[in-house]
Amino acid sequence: MSEPKTAVLHLNPSKNHEKIDGMEDNATIDFGSYMDARRALVDRALERYLPAEDTYPESLSRAMRYSVMSGGKRFRPILCIASFEACAGQGDAALPIACAIELIHTYSLIHDDLPCMDDDDLRRGRPTSHKVFGEAVAVLAGDALLSFAVEIVVREGTRLVPSERIVRIVGDLLKAAGPEGMVAGQVVDMASEGKPADAETVKFIHRHKTGALISSSARCGAIAAGAIESVIDRVSSYGARVGLAFQIVDDVLDAEGTFGNLKAASGLDEKKRKLTYPSVFGLEESKAVAARLAREAKDAIAPLGHAGLPLQLLADLVVNRSS
């Protein structure tokens, strides 16, 4: 993922934060450094939380670690942390929640790749879980990651966040993952393959399959920080728009490359006759919609001021990325 290097952030880390290498209190860093530091926080925490590879049954432990630690961008957990910080959250309280979000995201990828669903052989440049561990273990690894995500929020989160917020966060994440979120989007996505272009259906797929967890990521960060309802609503509106824009850009990248620097496109969506934004609205209109959604997302959180700058830049990153 390419990242703009021009924006400057002035951060004041809490004494309770895990130390970010090379960063002192009141340090000035660019957005690339911001992303790298928070990605490193998430990766270190995931390493701690996940069972070691030699934990019995080893095949399950290895499969869980294989997919989670495969070099993901950690966009969703970083979004959660940025939202937490924008809402004046202190310390590491958002970190278990952010890691749980990545586990839920990874579970969904493992299941999406299965032969009975999208039937993909590669994920992030490596063989998919079912290619390495077999279909049965891949299914169970996904199941384990979903339940383990809830365990981490409850076990680790309750030490750092009031229990009433944790209850709300668990409910929000499970709704985003379940029959009103990702699962619904995946079902409609599979059912729509090969069917005529339909604007309302493609919007439903994108808002549920991809947008729901991205929106929840932003919202849960605000909830963990103890934000007032009006702020949570603004962050939720931001997340919904960023989530939809994220998937539209994915569709465009698959069809064409990037918005600016043309890359070789995979064309997998077209080969599988997937219902995508470009197949319904065309490439240029899809790009225009993604850009408009990013602007609306930034407008929604404008009242957060300087504290919301990382969220603003994340919205820009979504529509300017090349992978």
Protein backbone atom coordinates (compact mmCIF):
# COMPACT_ATOMS: atom_id res chain seq x y z
CA MET A 1 0.00 0.00 0.00
CA SER A 2 1.49 3.34 -0.98
CA GLU A 3 1.28 6.06 1.63
CA PRO A 4 1.48 9.85 1.31
CA LYS A 5 4.56 11.26 3.00
CA THR A 6 3.68 14.94 3.08
CA ALA A 7 1.22 15.29 5.94
CA VAL A 8 2.78 15.98 9.33
CA LEU A 9 1.23 14.83 12.59
CA HIS A 10 2.03 16.07 16.08
CA LEU A 11 1.44 13.17 18.44
CA ASN A 12 1.47 13.10 22.22
CA PRO A 13 1.65 9.43 23.18
CA SER A 14 0.33 8.51 26.61
CA LYS A 15 2.83 7.09 29.07
CA ASN A 16 0.69 3.96 28.98
CA HIS A 17 1.29 3.41 25.27
CA GLU A 18 3.66 0.68 24.18
CA LYS A 19 6.84 2.44 23.12
CA ILE A 20 7.09 3.27 19.42
CA ASP A 21 10.69 2.96 18.25
CA GLY A 22 12.31 6.28 17.54
CA MET A 23 9.38 8.35 18.75
CA GLU A 24 9.59 10.71 21.72
CA ASP A 25 6.79 12.69 23.38
CA ASN A 26 5.68 15.62 21.20
CA ALA A 27 7.59 14.14 18.26
CA THR A 28 6.67 15.18 14.75
CA ILE A 29 6.22 12.28 12.31
CA ASP A 30 4.81 11.86 8.82
CA PHE A 31 1.83 9.71 7.92
CA GLY A 32 4.00 6.85 6.71
CA SER A 33 5.65 6.72 10.13
CA TYR A 34 2.24 6.86 11.81
CA MET A 35 1.05 3.86 9.78
CA ASP A 36 4.26 1.90 10.29
CA ALA A 37 4.24 2.45 14.06
CA ARG A 38 0.65 1.35 14.53
CA ARG A 39 1.06 -1.61 12.20
CA ALA A 40 4.03 -2.70 14.32
CA LEU A 41 1.96 -2.35 17.52
CA VAL A 42 -0.74 -4.57 16.06
CA ASP A 43 1.73 -7.15 14.74
CA ARG A 44 3.49 -7.44 18.10
CA ALA A 45 0.20 -7.84 19.92
CA LEU A 46 -1.03 -10.48 17.46
CA GLU A 47 2.22 -12.39 17.98
CA ARG A 48 1.52 -12.40 21.72
CA TYR A 49 -2.14 -13.36 21.44
CA LEU A 50 -1.97 -16.15 18.87
CA PRO A 51 -1.13 -19.67 20.01
CA ALA A 52 2.43 -20.78 19.31
CA GLU A 53 2.85 -23.07 16.32
CA ASP A 54 3.64 -26.03 18.56
CA THR A 55 0.43 -25.61 20.58
CA TYR A 56 -1.66 -28.78 20.30
CA PRO A 57 -3.33 -29.40 17.88
CA GLU A 58 -0.40 -28.07 15.90
CA SER A 59 -2.18 -28.07 12.53
CA LEU A 60 -4.80 -25.65 13.85
CA SER A 61 -2.25 -23.38 15.55
CA ARG A 62 -0.08 -23.25 12.43
CA ALA A 63 -3.06 -22.55 10.20
CA MET A 64 -4.24 -19.68 12.41
CA ARG A 65 -0.80 -18.07 12.48
CA TYR A 66 -0.18 -18.70 8.76
CA SER A 67 -3.10 -16.56 7.64
CA VAL A 68 -2.97 -13.87 10.33
CA MET A 69 0.76 -13.23 10.08
CA SER A 70 0.92 -13.23 6.28
CA GLY A 71 1.81 -9.57 5.87
CA GLY A 72 -1.57 -7.85 5.78
CA LYS A 73 -1.75 -4.06 5.70
CA ARG A 74 -3.68 -3.98 9.02
CA PHE A 75 -5.92 -1.22 7.64
CA ARG A 76 -8.92 -2.13 9.82
CA PRO A 77 -7.06 -2.32 13.15
CA ILE A 78 -5.18 0.90 12.36
CA LEU A 79 -8.52 2.53 11.60
CA CYS A 80 -9.80 1.40 15.01
CA ILE A 81 -6.73 2.82 16.77
CA ALA A 82 -6.91 6.10 14.82
CA SER A 83 -10.56 6.48 15.77
CA PHE A 84 -9.75 5.75 19.42
CA GLU A 85 -7.01 8.37 19.40
CA ALA A 86 -9.17 10.92 17.56
CA CYS A 87 -11.78 10.57 20.32
CA ALA A 88 -9.20 11.26 23.06
CA GLY A 89 -8.65 7.63 23.99
CA GLN A 90 -5.63 7.06 26.22
CA GLY A 91 -3.16 4.18 26.48
CA ASP A 92 -3.44 0.78 24.81
CA ALA A 93 -7.13 0.15 25.46
CA ALA A 94 -7.95 -0.13 21.75
CA LEU A 95 -5.19 -2.63 20.97
CA PRO A 96 -7.03 -5.87 21.89
CA ILE A 97 -10.07 -4.64 19.96
CA ALA A 98 -7.93 -3.75 16.96
CA CYS A 99 -6.35 -7.22 17.00
CA ALA A 100 -9.76 -8.87 17.29
CA ILE A 101 -10.86 -6.95 14.19
CA GLU A 102 -7.87 -8.31 12.25
CA LEU A 103 -8.71 -11.85 13.38
CA ILE A 104 -12.30 -11.44 12.18
CA HIS A 105 -11.09 -10.04 8.87
CA THR A 106 -8.66 -12.94 8.44
CA TYR A 107 -11.35 -15.50 9.26
CA SER A 108 -13.50 -14.02 6.48
CA LEU A 109 -10.62 -14.23 3.98
CA ILE A 110 -9.91 -17.88 4.78
CA HIS A 111 -13.56 -18.79 4.22
CA ASP A 112 -13.92 -16.58 1.12
CA ASP A 113 -10.97 -18.40 -0.50
CA LEU A 114 -12.50 -21.88 -0.07
CA PRO A 115 -13.41 -23.89 -3.19
CA CYS A 116 -17.10 -23.73 -2.23
CA MET A 117 -16.95 -19.92 -2.30
CA ASP A 118 -14.45 -17.85 -4.32
CA ASP A 119 -12.06 -20.79 -4.93
CA ASP A 120 -8.82 -18.80 -4.79
CA ASP A 121 -5.38 -20.40 -4.81
CA LEU A 122 -3.39 -17.35 -3.68
CA ARG A 123 -3.81 -14.74 -0.97
CA ARG A 124 -1.24 -11.96 -0.47
CA GLY A 125 1.12 -13.77 -2.85
CA ARG A 126 1.06 -17.04 -0.92
CA PRO A 127 -0.99 -20.24 -1.25
CA THR A 128 -4.35 -19.90 0.49
CA SER A 129 -4.99 -21.69 3.76
CA HIS A 130 -6.90 -24.60 2.25
CA LYS A 131 -4.10 -25.18 -0.26
CA VAL A 132 -1.58 -25.54 2.57
CA PHE A 133 -3.60 -27.19 5.34
CA GLY A 134 -6.55 -28.75 3.54
CA GLU A 135 -10.15 -27.58 3.42
CA ALA A 136 -11.23 -29.01 6.77
CA VAL A 137 -8.44 -27.37 8.77
CA ALA A 138 -8.93 -24.09 6.86
CA VAL A 139 -12.63 -24.03 7.78
CA LEU A 140 -11.81 -24.77 11.41
CA ALA A 141 -8.99 -22.18 11.50
CA GLY A 142 -11.47 -19.55 10.33
CA ASP A 143 -13.98 -20.68 12.95
CA ALA A 144 -11.27 -20.54 15.61
CA LEU A 145 -10.19 -17.02 14.65
CA LEU A 146 -13.75 -15.69 14.88
CA SER A 147 -14.32 -17.12 18.36
CA PHE A 148 -10.78 -16.21 19.47
CA ALA A 149 -11.44 -12.60 18.44
CA VAL A 150 -14.35 -12.39 20.87
CA GLU A 151 -12.26 -14.06 23.58
CA ILE A 152 -9.51 -11.46 23.19
CA VAL A 153 -11.92 -8.52 23.42
CA VAL A 154 -13.52 -9.95 26.56
CA ARG A 155 -10.36 -11.26 28.26
CA GLU A 156 -7.94 -8.45 27.41
CA GLY A 157 -10.32 -5.59 26.71
CA THR A 158 -12.12 -5.72 30.06
CA ARG A 159 -8.83 -4.98 31.83
CA LEU A 160 -8.60 -1.69 29.94
CA VAL A 161 -12.13 -0.61 28.98
CA PRO A 162 -15.30 -0.42 31.14
CA SER A 163 -17.37 -3.59 30.78
CA GLU A 164 -20.44 -1.79 29.40
CA ARG A 165 -18.34 -0.52 26.48
CA ILE A 166 -16.94 -4.01 25.90
CA VAL A 167 -20.45 -5.46 25.69
CA ARG A 168 -21.37 -2.85 23.09
CA ILE A 169 -18.17 -3.45 21.12
CA VAL A 170 -18.67 -7.23 21.04
CA GLY A 171 -22.22 -6.75 19.81
CA ASP A 172 -21.09 -4.29 17.15
CA LEU A 173 -18.32 -6.57 15.83
CA LEU A 174 -20.52 -9.65 15.74
CA LYS A 175 -23.26 -7.77 13.93
CA ALA A 176 -20.69 -6.63 11.34
CA ALA A 177 -19.49 -10.22 10.91
CA GLY A 178 -22.87 -11.96 10.89
CA PRO A 179 -26.15 -12.16 8.98
CA GLU A 180 -26.52 -8.36 8.92
CA GLY A 181 -22.94 -7.87 7.76
CA MET A 182 -20.19 -9.88 6.08
CA VAL A 183 -22.06 -13.18 5.89
CA ALA A 184 -25.05 -11.56 4.19
CA GLY A 185 -22.74 -9.80 1.73
CA GLN A 186 -20.94 -13.03 0.88
CA VAL A 187 -24.18 -14.94 0.29
CA VAL A 188 -25.55 -12.28 -2.05
CA ASP A 189 -22.15 -11.98 -3.77
CA MET A 190 -22.12 -15.69 -4.60
CA ALA A 191 -25.78 -15.71 -5.62
CA SER A 192 -25.21 -12.79 -8.01
CA GLU A 193 -22.34 -14.27 -10.03
CA GLY A 194 -23.19 -14.31 -13.71
CA LYS A 195 -26.40 -12.35 -13.27
CA PRO A 196 -27.25 -9.05 -15.01
CA ALA A 197 -25.79 -5.85 -13.54
CA ASP A 198 -27.94 -4.51 -10.72
CA ALA A 199 -27.06 -1.29 -8.90
CA GLU A 200 -28.94 -2.01 -5.67
CA THR A 201 -27.50 -5.50 -5.37
CA VAL A 202 -23.90 -4.42 -5.85
CA LYS A 203 -24.37 -1.67 -3.25
CA PHE A 204 -25.77 -4.25 -0.82
CA ILE A 205 -22.83 -6.59 -1.39
CA HIS A 206 -20.21 -3.90 -0.89
CA ARG A 207 -21.83 -2.33 2.17
CA HIS A 208 -22.16 -5.69 3.88
CA LYS A 209 -19.27 -7.87 2.72
CA THR A 210 -16.58 -5.18 3.06
CA GLY A 211 -18.12 -2.00 4.45
CA ALA A 212 -19.69 -3.45 7.59
CA LEU A 213 -16.43 -4.46 9.30
CA ILE A 214 -14.61 -1.30 8.21
CA SER A 215 -17.42 0.84 9.60
CA SER A 216 -17.42 -1.20 12.82
CA SER A 217 -13.65 -0.77 13.13
CA ALA A 218 -13.98 3.00 13.23
CA ARG A 219 -17.05 2.92 15.47
CA CYS A 220 -15.53 0.52 18.02
CA GLY A 221 -12.50 2.76 18.43
CA ALA A 222 -14.80 5.65 19.32
CA ILE A 223 -16.84 3.49 21.70
CA ALA A 224 -13.68 2.25 23.44
CA ALA A 225 -12.57 5.86 23.94
CA GLY A 226 -15.86 6.72 25.64
CA ALA A 227 -16.93 9.20 22.96
CA ILE A 228 -20.35 10.83 23.26
CA GLU A 229 -23.11 9.53 20.98
CA SER A 230 -22.98 12.42 18.53
CA VAL A 231 -19.27 11.76 17.95
CA ILE A 232 -19.83 8.00 17.62
CA ASP A 233 -22.47 8.80 14.99
CA ARG A 234 -20.03 10.98 13.07
CA VAL A 235 -17.31 8.32 13.18
CA SER A 236 -19.84 5.68 12.12
CA SER A 237 -20.88 7.82 9.14
CA TYR A 238 -17.20 8.23 8.26
CA GLY A 239 -16.60 4.48 8.51
CA ALA A 240 -19.59 3.56 6.36
CA ARG A 241 -18.37 5.80 3.54
CA VAL A 242 -14.75 4.70 3.81
CA GLY A 243 -15.86 1.06 3.82
CA LEU A 244 -17.88 1.42 0.63
CA ALA A 245 -15.12 3.44 -1.05
CA PHE A 246 -12.58 0.75 -0.09
CA GLN A 247 -14.44 -1.97 -1.98
CA ILE A 248 -15.18 0.23 -4.98
CA VAL A 249 -11.45 0.95 -5.28
CA ASP A 250 -10.75 -2.80 -5.01
CA ASP A 251 -13.11 -3.34 -7.95
CA VAL A 252 -11.37 -0.65 -9.98
CA LEU A 253 -7.93 -2.04 -9.18
CA ASP A 254 -9.02 -5.49 -10.31
CA ALA A 255 -10.36 -4.10 -13.57
CA GLU A 256 -7.74 -1.48 -14.40
CA GLY A 257 -4.88 -0.96 -11.96
CA THR A 258 -4.65 2.25 -9.95
CA PHE A 259 -6.38 5.60 -10.26
CA GLY A 260 -3.09 7.23 -11.20
CA ASN A 261 -0.29 4.77 -12.02
CA LEU A 262 -1.58 2.04 -14.27
CA LYS A 263 -0.69 -1.47 -13.15
CA ALA A 264 -1.44 -4.86 -14.63
CA ALA A 265 -4.97 -5.73 -13.55
CA SER A 266 -5.88 -9.23 -12.38
CA GLY A 267 -9.29 -9.29 -14.05
CA LEU A 268 -10.40 -12.03 -11.66
CA ASP A 269 -13.76 -10.39 -10.97
CA GLU A 270 -14.59 -10.35 -14.67
CA LYS A 271 -13.43 -13.94 -15.14
CA LYS A 272 -15.68 -15.07 -12.30
CA ARG A 273 -18.51 -12.84 -13.60
CA LYS A 274 -18.65 -11.03 -10.27
CA LEU A 275 -21.06 -8.17 -9.72
CA THR A 276 -18.81 -5.12 -9.24
CA TYR A 277 -19.13 -1.34 -9.32
CA PRO A 278 -17.37 -1.02 -12.69
CA SER A 279 -19.60 -3.71 -14.18
CA VAL A 280 -22.67 -1.71 -13.12
CA PHE A 281 -21.55 1.93 -13.28
CA GLY A 282 -18.42 1.87 -15.43
CA LEU A 283 -14.86 2.71 -14.41
CA GLU A 284 -15.03 6.49 -14.51
CA GLU A 285 -18.26 6.71 -12.52
CA SER A 286 -16.89 4.20 -10.00
CA LYS A 287 -13.80 6.34 -9.47
CA ALA A 288 -15.96 9.44 -9.07
CA VAL A 289 -18.19 7.72 -6.49
CA ALA A 290 -15.16 6.52 -4.46
CA ALA A 291 -13.67 10.02 -4.44
CA ARG A 292 -17.02 11.54 -3.40
CA LEU A 293 -17.39 9.02 -0.57
CA ALA A 294 -13.91 9.88 0.71
CA ARG A 295 -14.79 13.60 0.73
CA GLU A 296 -18.06 12.90 2.58
CA ALA A 297 -16.21 10.72 5.09
CA LYS A 298 -13.76 13.53 5.84
CA ASP A 299 -16.59 16.04 6.15
CA ALA A 300 -18.32 13.80 8.71
CA ILE A 301 -15.36 13.95 11.10
CA ALA A 302 -14.25 17.52 10.37
CA PRO A 303 -15.47 18.67 13.83
CA LEU A 304 -12.81 16.44 15.42
CA GLY A 305 -10.24 18.93 14.20
CA HIS A 306 -6.54 18.10 14.34
CA ALA A 307 -7.17 14.94 16.37
CA GLY A 308 -9.02 13.51 13.38
CA LEU A 309 -6.22 14.13 10.88
CA PRO A 310 -5.08 10.47 10.76
CA LEU A 311 -8.67 9.47 9.92
CA GLN A 312 -8.75 12.12 7.20
CA LEU A 313 -5.53 10.77 5.72
CA LEU A 314 -6.77 7.17 5.94
CA ALA A 315 -9.76 8.19 3.82
CA ASP A 316 -7.40 9.69 1.25
CA LEU A 317 -5.26 6.56 1.38
CA VAL A 318 -8.24 4.37 0.51
CA VAL A 319 -8.84 6.13 -2.80
CA ASN A 320 -5.17 6.70 -3.69
CA ARG A 321 -3.76 3.24 -3.00
CA SER A 322 -2.31 0.99 -5.69
CA SER A 323 -2.94 -2.39 -4.05
